[in-house]
C-alpha atoms as a PDB file:
ATOM      1  CA  MET A   1     199.196  43.461 139.026  1.00  0.00           C
ATOM      2  CA  ALA A   2     200.376  39.925 138.415  1.00  0.00           C
ATOM      3  CA  LEU A   3     201.057  37.606 141.255  1.00  0.00           C
ATOM      4  CA  CYS A   4     203.048  34.322 141.283  1.00  0.00           C
ATOM      5  CA  ASN A   5     200.848  33.086 144.083  1.00  0.00           C
ATOM      6  CA  ALA A   6     200.404  29.576 145.232  1.00  0.00           C
ATOM      7  CA  ASP A   7     199.806  27.179 147.868  1.00  0.00           C
ATOM      8  CA  TRP A   8     200.940  23.470 147.162  1.00  0.00           C
ATOM      9  CA  PRO A   9     202.189  22.039 150.323  1.00  0.00           C
ATOM     10  CA  SER A  10     202.896  18.648 149.040  1.00  0.00           C
ATOM     11  CA  LEU A  11     202.492  16.252 146.153  1.00  0.00           C
ATOM     12  CA  TRP A  12     202.964  12.790 144.685  1.00  0.00           C
ATOM     13  CA  PRO A  13     206.548  12.335 143.131  1.00  0.00           C
ATOM     14  CA  SER A  14     205.447  12.328 139.535  1.00  0.00           C
ATOM     15  CA  LEU A  15     203.827  15.661 138.611  1.00  0.00           C
ATOM     16  CA  ALA A  16     203.852  19.028 140.547  1.00  0.00           C
ATOM     17  CA  PHE A  17     202.225  22.442 139.684  1.00  0.00           C
ATOM     18  CA  LEU A  18     203.603  25.450 141.101  1.00  0.00           C
ATOM     19  CA  TRP A  19     200.683  27.763 139.995  1.00  0.00           C
ATOM     20  CA  PHE A  20     200.766  31.334 138.914  1.00  0.00           C
ATOM     21  CA  ALA A  21     197.483  33.435 138.568  1.00  0.00           C
ATOM     22  CA  PRO A  22     197.652  35.529 135.313  1.00  0.00           C
ATOM     23  CA  PRO A  23     196.154  38.960 135.829  1.00  0.00           C
ATOM     24  CA  GLN A  24     192.553  39.472 135.180  1.00  0.00           C
ATOM     25  CA  ASN A  25     193.502  43.021 133.733  1.00  0.00           C
ATOM     26  CA  PRO A  26     196.813  42.892 131.857  1.00  0.00           C
ATOM     27  CA  GLN A  27     196.742  46.578 131.745  1.00  0.00           C
ATOM     28  CA  ALA A  28     197.314  46.348 135.699  1.00  0.00           C
ATOM     29  CA  PHE A  29     200.774  45.287 134.808  1.00  0.00           C
ATOM     30  CA  ASN A  30     201.409  48.426 132.446  1.00  0.00           C
ATOM     31  CA  VAL A  31     201.505  45.789 129.465  1.00  0.00           C
ATOM     32  CA  THR A  32     203.340  46.949 126.360  1.00  0.00           C
ATOM     33  CA  SER A  33     204.391  45.024 123.239  1.00  0.00           C
ATOM     34  CA  GLU A  34     207.257  43.749 125.410  1.00  0.00           C
ATOM     35  CA  SER A  35     206.722  40.560 127.212  1.00  0.00           C
ATOM     36  CA  PRO A  36     207.705  39.984 130.618  1.00  0.00           C
ATOM     37  CA  ARG A  37     210.697  38.065 131.799  1.00  0.00           C
ATOM     38  CA  ILE A  38     209.680  35.304 134.013  1.00  0.00           C
ATOM     39  CA  LYS A  39     212.122  33.438 136.396  1.00  0.00           C
ATOM     40  CA  TRP A  40     211.711  30.495 138.756  1.00  0.00           C
ATOM     41  CA  SER A  41     214.396  29.523 141.247  1.00  0.00           C
ATOM     42  CA  LYS A  42     214.874  27.334 144.283  1.00  0.00           C
ATOM     43  CA  LEU A  43     215.787  28.826 147.623  1.00  0.00           C
ATOM     44  CA  GLN A  44     218.779  27.405 149.449  1.00  0.00           C
ATOM     45  CA  PRO A  45     217.933  26.971 153.226  1.00  0.00           C
ATOM     46  CA  ASN A  46     220.557  28.075 155.948  1.00  0.00           C
ATOM     47  CA  GLN A  47     222.513  29.837 153.065  1.00  0.00           C
ATOM     48  CA  GLY A  48     220.966  33.499 153.413  1.00  0.00           C
ATOM     49  CA  GLU A  49     219.278  34.704 150.186  1.00  0.00           C
ATOM     50  CA  LYS A  50     221.245  32.231 147.978  1.00  0.00           C
ATOM     51  CA  GLU A  51     219.079  30.358 145.130  1.00  0.00           C
ATOM     52  CA  ILE A  52     219.526  28.105 142.444  1.00  0.00           C
ATOM     53  CA  ALA A  53     217.918  29.029 138.896  1.00  0.00           C
ATOM     54  CA  VAL A  54     215.238  26.619 137.601  1.00  0.00           C
ATOM     55  CA  LEU A  55     213.795  28.339 134.402  1.00  0.00           C
ATOM     56  CA  VAL A  56     213.871  31.653 132.785  1.00  0.00           C
ATOM     57  CA  ALA A  57     211.521  32.710 130.103  1.00  0.00           C
ATOM     58  CA  ARG A  58     211.458  35.814 127.843  1.00  0.00           C
ATOM     59  CA  GLU A  59     210.061  36.794 124.301  1.00  0.00           C
ATOM     60  CA  ASN A  60     208.634  33.286 124.119  1.00  0.00           C
ATOM     61  CA  VAL A  61     212.044  31.511 124.650  1.00  0.00           C
ATOM     62  CA  VAL A  62     212.101  29.331 127.643  1.00  0.00           C
ATOM     63  CA  LYS A  63     215.728  28.152 129.143  1.00  0.00           C
ATOM     64  CA  VAL A  64     215.711  25.384 131.528  1.00  0.00           C
ATOM     65  CA  VAL A  65     218.633  25.118 133.963  1.00  0.00           C
ATOM     66  CA  ARG A  66     220.739  21.802 133.842  1.00  0.00           C
ATOM     67  CA  GLY A  67     219.497  19.354 136.406  1.00  0.00           C
ATOM     68  CA  TYR A  68     215.779  20.275 135.647  1.00  0.00           C
ATOM     69  CA  GLU A  69     216.099  19.809 131.784  1.00  0.00           C
ATOM     70  CA  GLY A  70     213.244  17.680 130.663  1.00  0.00           C
ATOM     71  CA  ARG A  71     211.385  17.900 133.885  1.00  0.00           C
ATOM     72  CA  VAL A  72     210.040  21.480 134.055  1.00  0.00           C
ATOM     73  CA  SER A  73     207.883  23.512 131.754  1.00  0.00           C
ATOM     74  CA  LEU A  74     205.494  26.333 131.310  1.00  0.00           C
ATOM     75  CA  PRO A  75     202.480  24.985 129.554  1.00  0.00           C
ATOM     76  CA  GLY A  76     200.478  27.870 129.405  1.00  0.00           C
ATOM     77  CA  TYR A  77     203.236  30.548 128.479  1.00  0.00           C
ATOM     78  CA  PRO A  78     203.033  30.055 124.722  1.00  0.00           C
ATOM     79  CA  HIS A  79     199.392  31.142 124.820  1.00  0.00           C
ATOM     80  CA  ASN A  80     199.709  33.756 127.609  1.00  0.00           C
ATOM     81  CA  ARG A  81     203.047  35.517 128.167  1.00  0.00           C
ATOM     82  CA  TYR A  82     201.666  36.161 131.775  1.00  0.00           C
ATOM     83  CA  ASN A  83     201.174  32.603 132.556  1.00  0.00           C
ATOM     84  CA  ALA A  84     203.983  31.636 134.751  1.00  0.00           C
ATOM     85  CA  THR A  85     202.742  28.246 136.012  1.00  0.00           C
ATOM     86  CA  LEU A  86     205.483  25.743 136.415  1.00  0.00           C
ATOM     87  CA  VAL A  87     204.911  22.053 135.775  1.00  0.00           C
ATOM     88  CA  LEU A  88     207.557  19.763 137.500  1.00  0.00           C
ATOM     89  CA  SER A  89     207.375  16.172 136.363  1.00  0.00           C
ATOM     90  CA  ASN A  90     209.357  13.142 137.854  1.00  0.00           C
ATOM     91  CA  ALA A  91     209.635  15.068 141.105  1.00  0.00           C
ATOM     92  CA  HIS A  92     212.600  13.943 143.524  1.00  0.00           C
ATOM     93  CA  ALA A  93     212.643  14.083 147.100  1.00  0.00           C
ATOM     94  CA  SER A  94     215.370  16.622 146.658  1.00  0.00           C
ATOM     95  CA  ASP A  95     213.068  18.905 144.973  1.00  0.00           C
ATOM     96  CA  SER A  96     211.296  19.673 148.150  1.00  0.00           C
ATOM     97  CA  GLY A  97     211.767  23.350 149.566  1.00  0.00           C
ATOM     98  CA  MET A  98     210.693  26.829 148.739  1.00  0.00           C
ATOM     99  CA  TYR A  99     210.660  28.140 145.073  1.00  0.00           C
ATOM    100  CA  ARG A 100     210.460  31.901 143.939  1.00  0.00           C
ATOM    101  CA  CYS A 101     208.602  33.100 140.824  1.00  0.00           C
ATOM    102  CA  GLU A 102     209.587  36.409 139.863  1.00  0.00           C
ATOM    103  CA  ILE A 103     208.083  38.496 136.989  1.00  0.00           C
ATOM    104  CA  VAL A 104     209.595  41.546 135.547  1.00  0.00           C
ATOM    105  CA  LEU A 105     208.361  44.053 132.916  1.00  0.00           C
ATOM    106  CA  GLY A 106     210.212  47.341 132.735  1.00  0.00           C
ATOM    107  CA  ILE A 107     210.241  48.813 135.958  1.00  0.00           C
ATOM    108  CA  GLU A 108     207.677  46.446 137.366  1.00  0.00           C
ATOM    109  CA  ASP A 109     208.932  43.647 139.494  1.00  0.00           C
ATOM    110  CA  GLU A 110     206.338  41.122 141.207  1.00  0.00           C
ATOM    111  CA  GLN A 111     207.395  37.905 143.055  1.00  0.00           C
ATOM    112  CA  ASP A 112     206.127  35.400 145.214  1.00  0.00           C
ATOM    113  CA  THR A 113     207.382  32.132 146.980  1.00  0.00           C
ATOM    114  CA  VAL A 114     205.842  28.574 147.004  1.00  0.00           C
ATOM    115  CA  PRO A 115     206.510  25.748 149.295  1.00  0.00           C
ATOM    116  CA  LEU A 116     206.896  22.144 147.673  1.00  0.00           C
ATOM    117  CA  GLU A 117     207.153  19.033 149.347  1.00  0.00           C
ATOM    118  CA  VAL A 118     207.595  15.667 147.794  1.00  0.00           C
ATOM    119  CA  SER A 119     206.582  13.087 150.344  1.00  0.00           C
ATOM    120  CA  GLY A 120     206.801   9.555 148.738  1.00  0.00           C
ATOM    121  CA  LEU A 121     209.844   7.509 149.007  1.00  0.00           C
ATOM    122  CA  VAL A 122     211.422   4.278 147.774  1.00  0.00           C
ATOM    123  CA  PHE A 123     212.939   1.630 149.981  1.00  0.00           C
ATOM    124  CA  HIS A 124     214.241  -1.717 149.594  1.00  0.00           C
ATOM    125  CA  TYR A 125     212.670  -4.693 151.250  1.00  0.00           C
ATOM    126  CA  ARG A 126     214.131  -8.283 151.893  1.00  0.00           C
ATOM    127  CA  ALA A 127     212.259 -11.327 153.184  1.00  0.00           C
ATOM    128  CA  ALA A 128     212.935 -12.430 156.768  1.00  0.00           C
ATOM    129  CA  SER A 129     213.848 -16.103 155.125  1.00  0.00           C
ATOM    130  CA  ASN A 130     216.880 -15.138 152.889  1.00  0.00           C
ATOM    131  CA  ARG A 131     217.998 -12.955 150.320  1.00  0.00           C
ATOM    132  CA  TYR A 132     216.409 -13.024 146.971  1.00  0.00           C
ATOM    133  CA  ALA A 133     213.344 -15.024 148.307  1.00  0.00           C
ATOM    134  CA  LEU A 134     210.537 -13.236 146.827  1.00  0.00           C
ATOM    135  CA  THR A 135     208.290 -14.082 143.970  1.00  0.00           C
ATOM    136  CA  PHE A 136     206.505 -11.245 141.902  1.00  0.00           C
ATOM    137  CA  PRO A 137     203.166 -11.904 143.917  1.00  0.00           C
ATOM    138  CA  ASP A 138     205.135 -12.208 146.967  1.00  0.00           C
ATOM    139  CA  ALA A 139     206.995  -8.965 146.305  1.00  0.00           C
ATOM    140  CA  VAL A 140     203.661  -7.023 146.012  1.00  0.00           C
ATOM    141  CA  ARG A 141     202.101  -8.464 148.908  1.00  0.00           C
ATOM    142  CA  SER A 142     205.195  -7.456 150.981  1.00  0.00           C
ATOM    143  CA  CYS A 143     205.115  -4.057 149.948  1.00  0.00           C
ATOM    144  CA  LYS A 144     201.488  -3.877 150.544  1.00  0.00           C
ATOM    145  CA  GLU A 145     202.022  -5.222 153.976  1.00  0.00           C
ATOM    146  CA  ASN A 146     204.598  -2.457 154.633  1.00  0.00           C
ATOM    147  CA  SER A 147     202.270   0.543 153.894  1.00  0.00           C
ATOM    148  CA  GLY A 148     203.345   0.823 150.263  1.00  0.00           C
ATOM    149  CA  VAL A 149     203.212  -0.522 146.713  1.00  0.00           C
ATOM    150  CA  ILE A 150     205.755  -2.025 144.419  1.00  0.00           C
ATOM    151  CA  ALA A 151     207.795   0.724 143.035  1.00  0.00           C
ATOM    152  CA  SER A 152     207.772   1.676 139.045  1.00  0.00           C
ATOM    153  CA  PRO A 153     210.972   1.711 137.164  1.00  0.00           C
ATOM    154  CA  GLU A 154     210.311   5.606 137.049  1.00  0.00           C
ATOM    155  CA  GLN A 155     210.119   5.893 140.847  1.00  0.00           C
ATOM    156  CA  LEU A 156     213.474   3.822 141.155  1.00  0.00           C
ATOM    157  CA  GLN A 157     215.192   6.043 138.782  1.00  0.00           C
ATOM    158  CA  ALA A 158     214.173   9.110 140.943  1.00  0.00           C
ATOM    159  CA  ALA A 159     215.270   7.588 143.948  1.00  0.00           C
ATOM    160  CA  PHE A 160     218.535   6.902 142.295  1.00  0.00           C
ATOM    161  CA  GLU A 161     219.093  10.441 141.102  1.00  0.00           C
ATOM    162  CA  ASP A 162     218.414  11.436 144.834  1.00  0.00           C
ATOM    163  CA  GLY A 163     220.975   9.332 146.031  1.00  0.00           C
ATOM    164  CA  LEU A 164     219.884   5.628 146.559  1.00  0.00           C
ATOM    165  CA  ASP A 165     222.686   3.100 146.219  1.00  0.00           C
ATOM    166  CA  ASN A 166     221.733  -0.438 146.588  1.00  0.00           C
ATOM    167  CA  CYS A 167     223.489  -3.718 145.407  1.00  0.00           C
ATOM    168  CA  ASP A 168     220.546  -5.919 145.557  1.00  0.00           C
ATOM    169  CA  ALA A 169     218.289  -6.731 142.796  1.00  0.00           C
ATOM    170  CA  GLY A 170     214.403  -6.046 143.557  1.00  0.00           C
ATOM    171  CA  TRP A 171     211.136  -6.615 141.757  1.00  0.00           C
ATOM    172  CA  LEU A 172     209.484  -3.368 140.241  1.00  0.00           C
ATOM    173  CA  SER A 173     205.942  -2.931 139.145  1.00  0.00           C
ATOM    174  CA  ASP A 174     206.504  -3.913 135.439  1.00  0.00           C
ATOM    175  CA  ARG A 175     207.870  -7.294 136.393  1.00  0.00           C
ATOM    176  CA  THR A 176     211.244  -6.306 135.746  1.00  0.00           C
ATOM    177  CA  ALA A 177     214.112  -6.551 138.373  1.00  0.00           C
ATOM    178  CA  GLY A 178     216.861  -4.147 138.913  1.00  0.00           C
ATOM    179  CA  TYR A 179     218.979  -2.194 141.339  1.00  0.00           C
ATOM    180  CA  PRO A 180     220.273   1.431 141.768  1.00  0.00           C
ATOM    181  CA  ILE A 181     224.001   1.933 141.841  1.00  0.00           C
ATOM    182  CA  LYS A 182     225.570   5.356 142.522  1.00  0.00           C
ATOM    183  CA  THR A 183     229.162   4.110 143.205  1.00  0.00           C
ATOM    184  CA  PRO A 184     230.122   1.236 140.862  1.00  0.00           C
ATOM    185  CA  ARG A 185     231.897  -1.615 142.470  1.00  0.00           C
ATOM    186  CA  PRO A 186     232.885  -5.316 142.021  1.00  0.00           C
ATOM    187  CA  GLY A 187     229.692  -7.338 141.952  1.00  0.00           C
ATOM    188  CA  CYS A 188     227.394  -4.509 141.351  1.00  0.00           C
ATOM    189  CA  TYR A 189     228.461  -3.467 137.899  1.00  0.00           C
ATOM    190  CA  GLY A 190     225.157  -5.156 136.150  1.00  0.00           C
ATOM    191  CA  ASP A 191     224.541  -4.002 132.828  1.00  0.00           C
ATOM    192  CA  ARG A 192     226.213  -0.714 132.991  1.00  0.00           C
ATOM    193  CA  ASN A 193     229.695  -1.668 133.714  1.00  0.00           C
ATOM    194  CA  ASN A 194     231.638   1.119 135.705  1.00  0.00           C
ATOM    195  CA  LEU A 195     229.028   3.599 135.134  1.00  0.00           C
ATOM    196  CA  PRO A 196     226.339   4.866 137.632  1.00  0.00           C
ATOM    197  CA  GLY A 197     222.832   4.065 136.972  1.00  0.00           C
ATOM    198  CA  VAL A 198     220.004   1.743 137.689  1.00  0.00           C
ATOM    199  CA  ARG A 199     220.909  -1.763 136.520  1.00  0.00           C
ATOM    200  CA  THR A 200     218.353  -3.757 134.747  1.00  0.00           C
ATOM    201  CA  TYR A 201     217.561  -7.815 134.380  1.00  0.00           C
ATOM    202  CA  GLY A 202     214.877  -6.896 132.229  1.00  0.00           C
ATOM    203  CA  GLU A 203     211.319  -8.475 132.222  1.00  0.00           C
ATOM    204  CA  ARG A 204     211.583 -11.790 134.648  1.00  0.00           C
ATOM    205  CA  ASP A 205     209.422 -14.884 135.043  1.00  0.00           C
ATOM    206  CA  PRO A 206     206.893 -14.051 137.917  1.00  0.00           C
ATOM    207  CA  GLN A 207     208.041 -17.074 139.764  1.00  0.00           C
ATOM    208  CA  GLU A 208     211.714 -16.064 139.788  1.00  0.00           C
ATOM    209  CA  THR A 209     212.935 -14.761 143.234  1.00  0.00           C
ATOM    210  CA  TYR A 210     214.351 -11.259 144.044  1.00  0.00           C
ATOM    211  CA  ASP A 211     214.167  -8.801 146.735  1.00  0.00           C
ATOM    212  CA  VAL A 212     211.562  -5.803 146.050  1.00  0.00           C
ATOM    213  CA  TYR A 213     211.753  -1.897 146.038  1.00  0.00           C
ATOM    214  CA  CYS A 214     208.677  -0.593 147.463  1.00  0.00           C
ATOM    215  CA  TYR A 215     207.245   2.993 147.235  1.00  0.00           C
ATOM    216  CA  THR A 216     205.320   4.438 150.159  1.00  0.00           C
ATOM    217  CA  GLU A 217     204.134   7.968 150.857  1.00  0.00           C
ATOM    218  CA  GLU A 218     203.597   9.916 154.150  1.00  0.00           C
ATOM    219  CA  PRO A 219     201.337   8.065 156.580  1.00  0.00           C
ATOM    220  CA  GLN A 220     198.133   9.780 158.222  1.00  0.00           C
ATOM    221  CA  GLY A 221     199.687   9.079 161.731  1.00  0.00           C
ATOM    222  CA  ASP A 222     202.936   9.280 163.800  1.00  0.00           C
ATOM    223  CA  VAL A 223     205.682   6.892 164.452  1.00  0.00           C
ATOM    224  CA  TYR A 224     207.463   6.780 167.876  1.00  0.00           C
ATOM    225  CA  TYR A 225     209.997   4.983 169.959  1.00  0.00           C
ATOM    226  CA  VAL A 226     208.986   2.981 173.030  1.00  0.00           C
ATOM    227  CA  ALA A 227     212.067   2.492 175.132  1.00  0.00           C
ATOM    228  CA  GLU A 228     210.695  -0.286 177.310  1.00  0.00           C
ATOM    229  CA  ARG A 229     212.827  -3.523 176.369  1.00  0.00           C
ATOM    230  CA  ASN A 230     210.590  -6.459 175.286  1.00  0.00           C
ATOM    231  CA  ASN A 231     210.379  -9.603 172.981  1.00  0.00           C
ATOM    232  CA  LEU A 232     208.337  -9.293 169.698  1.00  0.00           C
ATOM    233  CA  GLU A 233     204.891 -10.151 171.649  1.00  0.00           C
ATOM    234  CA  GLY A 234     205.682  -7.643 174.565  1.00  0.00           C
ATOM    235  CA  ALA A 235     206.537  -4.933 172.180  1.00  0.00           C
ATOM    236  CA  ARG A 236     203.238  -5.525 170.147  1.00  0.00           C
ATOM    237  CA  ASN A 237     201.380  -5.291 173.540  1.00  0.00           C
ATOM    238  CA  SER A 238     203.195  -2.244 174.589  1.00  0.00           C
ATOM    239  CA  CYS A 239     202.059  -0.451 171.492  1.00  0.00           C
ATOM    240  CA  LEU A 240     198.586  -1.710 171.874  1.00  0.00           C
ATOM    241  CA  ARG A 241     198.487  -0.502 175.356  1.00  0.00           C
ATOM    242  CA  ASP A 242     198.787   2.995 173.950  1.00  0.00           C
ATOM    243  CA  GLY A 243     196.043   2.597 171.615  1.00  0.00           C
ATOM    244  CA  ALA A 244     198.905   2.138 168.685  1.00  0.00           C
ATOM    245  CA  THR A 245     200.324  -0.679 166.568  1.00  0.00           C
ATOM    246  CA  LEU A 246     203.631  -1.733 165.779  1.00  0.00           C
ATOM    247  CA  ALA A 247     205.086   0.355 162.907  1.00  0.00           C
ATOM    248  CA  THR A 248     205.433  -1.139 159.453  1.00  0.00           C
ATOM    249  CA  VAL A 249     208.673  -0.793 157.433  1.00  0.00           C
ATOM    250  CA  GLY A 250     207.203   1.797 155.207  1.00  0.00           C
ATOM    251  CA  GLN A 251     205.860   3.889 158.111  1.00  0.00           C
ATOM    252  CA  LEU A 252     209.351   3.832 159.794  1.00  0.00           C
ATOM    253  CA  TYR A 253     211.061   5.027 156.340  1.00  0.00           C
ATOM    254  CA  ALA A 254     208.233   7.764 155.861  1.00  0.00           C
ATOM    255  CA  ALA A 255     209.083   8.913 159.671  1.00  0.00           C
ATOM    256  CA  TRP A 256     212.726   8.970 159.007  1.00  0.00           C
ATOM    257  CA  ARG A 257     212.128  11.019 155.804  1.00  0.00           C
ATOM    258  CA  LYS A 258     210.128  13.464 157.928  1.00  0.00           C
ATOM    259  CA  GLY A 259     213.012  13.711 160.414  1.00  0.00           C
ATOM    260  CA  LEU A 260     212.943  10.919 162.934  1.00  0.00           C
ATOM    261  CA  ASP A 261     216.311  10.085 164.472  1.00  0.00           C
ATOM    262  CA  GLN A 262     216.785   7.474 166.948  1.00  0.00           C
ATOM    263  CA  CYS A 263     219.640   5.481 167.512  1.00  0.00           C
ATOM    264  CA  ASP A 264     217.847   2.483 169.222  1.00  0.00           C
ATOM    265  CA  PRO A 265     216.775  -0.591 167.509  1.00  0.00           C
ATOM    266  CA  GLY A 266     213.177  -1.499 167.864  1.00  0.00           C
ATOM    267  CA  TRP A 267     210.504  -4.208 166.842  1.00  0.00           C
ATOM    268  CA  LEU A 268     208.435  -3.552 163.743  1.00  0.00           C
ATOM    269  CA  ALA A 269     205.145  -5.250 162.603  1.00  0.00           C
ATOM    270  CA  ASP A 270     206.914  -7.670 160.004  1.00  0.00           C
ATOM    271  CA  ASN A 271     209.057  -9.159 162.881  1.00  0.00           C
ATOM    272  CA  SER A 272     212.024  -7.142 161.898  1.00  0.00           C
ATOM    273  CA  VAL A 273     214.244  -4.833 164.147  1.00  0.00           C
ATOM    274  CA  ARG A 274     215.354  -1.469 162.582  1.00  0.00           C
ATOM    275  CA  TYR A 275     216.205   2.157 163.601  1.00  0.00           C
ATOM    276  CA  PRO A 276     216.049   5.481 161.647  1.00  0.00           C
ATOM    277  CA  ILE A 277     219.372   7.536 161.434  1.00  0.00           C
ATOM    278  CA  ARG A 278     219.124  11.047 160.175  1.00  0.00           C
ATOM    279  CA  ASN A 279     222.477  12.282 161.639  1.00  0.00           C
ATOM    280  CA  PRO A 280     225.135   9.571 161.262  1.00  0.00           C
ATOM    281  CA  ARG A 281     227.357   9.341 164.419  1.00  0.00           C
ATOM    282  CA  LYS A 282     229.496   6.585 166.190  1.00  0.00           C
ATOM    283  CA  ASN A 283     227.950   3.412 166.951  1.00  0.00           C
ATOM    284  CA  CYS A 284     224.727   4.274 164.794  1.00  0.00           C
ATOM    285  CA  GLY A 285     225.476   2.166 161.990  1.00  0.00           C
ATOM    286  CA  GLY A 286     227.364   3.858 159.479  1.00  0.00           C
ATOM    287  CA  GLU A 287     228.188   7.259 157.993  1.00  0.00           C
ATOM    288  CA  GLU A 288     225.182   7.531 155.705  1.00  0.00           C
ATOM    289  CA  PRO A 289     221.600   8.437 156.812  1.00  0.00           C
ATOM    290  CA  GLY A 290     219.155   5.805 156.432  1.00  0.00           C
ATOM    291  CA  VAL A 291     216.927   3.096 158.354  1.00  0.00           C
ATOM    292  CA  ARG A 292     219.300   0.365 159.826  1.00  0.00           C
ATOM    293  CA  THR A 293     218.235  -3.230 159.704  1.00  0.00           C
ATOM    294  CA  LEU A 294     219.393  -5.854 162.572  1.00  0.00           C
ATOM    295  CA  TYR A 295     220.056  -9.041 160.759  1.00  0.00           C
ATOM    296  CA  GLN A 296     220.583 -12.434 162.406  1.00  0.00           C
ATOM    297  CA  TYR A 297     223.302 -13.529 160.172  1.00  0.00           C
ATOM    298  CA  PRO A 298     226.614 -12.025 158.839  1.00  0.00           C
ATOM    299  CA  ASN A 299     225.345 -12.212 155.532  1.00  0.00           C
ATOM    300  CA  ARG A 300     222.529  -9.823 156.169  1.00  0.00           C
ATOM    301  CA  THR A 301     219.733 -12.255 156.266  1.00  0.00           C
ATOM    302  CA  GLY A 302     217.261 -13.470 158.909  1.00  0.00           C
ATOM    303  CA  PHE A 303     215.525 -11.261 161.502  1.00  0.00           C
ATOM    304  CA  PRO A 304     216.405 -11.484 165.197  1.00  0.00           C
ATOM    305  CA  SER A 305     214.683 -14.310 167.231  1.00  0.00           C
ATOM    306  CA  PRO A 306     211.449 -12.957 168.450  1.00  0.00           C
ATOM    307  CA  MET A 307     212.430 -13.946 172.070  1.00  0.00           C
ATOM    308  CA  LYS A 308     215.236 -11.151 172.077  1.00  0.00           C
ATOM    309  CA  LYS A 309     214.300  -7.928 173.822  1.00  0.00           C
ATOM    310  CA  PHE A 310     214.531  -4.674 171.995  1.00  0.00           C
ATOM    311  CA  GLY A 311     212.390  -1.343 172.188  1.00  0.00           C
ATOM    312  CA  ALA A 312     209.511  -0.823 169.807  1.00  0.00           C
ATOM    313  CA  TYR A 313     208.531   1.589 167.065  1.00  0.00           C
ATOM    314  CA  CYS A 314     204.817   2.336 167.205  1.00  0.00           C
ATOM    315  CA  TYR A 315     202.256   3.789 165.008  1.00  0.00           C
ATOM    316  CA  LYS A 316     199.206   5.856 166.038  1.00  0.00           C
ATOM    317  CA  GLY A 317     197.021   6.935 163.244  1.00  0.00           C
ATOM    318  CA  LYS A 318     195.375  10.419 163.441  1.00  0.00           C
ATOM    319  CA  ILE A 319     191.728  10.487 164.336  1.00  0.00           C
ATOM    320  CA  CYS A 320     189.736  12.426 161.403  1.00  0.00           C
ATOM    321  CA  ASN A 321     187.154  14.518 162.499  1.00  0.00           C
ATOM    322  CA  ILE A 322     184.220  14.829 159.934  1.00  0.00           C
ATOM    323  CA  ILE A 323     182.230  17.889 160.058  1.00  0.00           C
ATOM    324  CA  TYR A 324     178.738  17.856 158.428  1.00  0.00           C
ATOM    325  CA  LEU A 325     177.367  21.212 157.169  1.00  0.00           C
ATOM    326  CA  LEU A 326     173.445  21.398 156.844  1.00  0.00           C
ATOM    327  CA  TRP A 327     172.018  23.786 154.477  1.00  0.00           C
END
């Protein structure tokens, strides 16, 4: 029998393979001249057996559900009607979850589930000194120092489609500057007027200054909060005593994506003070999930004085054990 069996726990947000193994012996599936019906769907957590269709293929006709159009395909299907390998391109964070592959031929019905995790995310970064203070080289360096790389236009577009809304122009990897707007409002219309979308300033002189959009992936370690209140230097030493370092902004965002929720401001490695909120609540910085930043001035610029006392977000890398096999 043919099985849609796969094991693909995580991936980069550009291309994913949900793999199906076609049968070694097609006769095991009682193959006739009729081709099987292949269906991929995404299971909805906490909603019983409810699922959302992604793609259905039958008789060499592939129908893709809206929302996945242009992003999913069955590349092996035209050559082998039993090849149900699904390719998902331009993967979004919201694509993470469990997927079901089902193959039906006559009275035969085989299915399996596949886990999919998209671990990367895009975050906005602003220099400590002021808004729009980063040249392109500065922007590249800022992302690197915060456990990321400068985001590509495609990554920012995917983040926008996942809900990112930010009215601050930032550098992108192709030397353009832009910003994502889900809810158009005065001062944020850009080149799209009152339509949602990613605004762009086009390619810019590298010496012009903007903020930056960085892309980071899940770190190989853990971020945790230390409640002891210290100035910046004391917070750094607090992490060091525990065999850790102050977390970078990218590491905190990745931890937030994984579920870290802490309504307590803490020092980070770039001298900023931030805190991650998964479940918005009173006195925790607004109605939307996200990483909150404490600024020194009302116009959302400047980091707090390094002498002020806050907790700390520490990062401790995982120790990799290398096993040598001798033959």
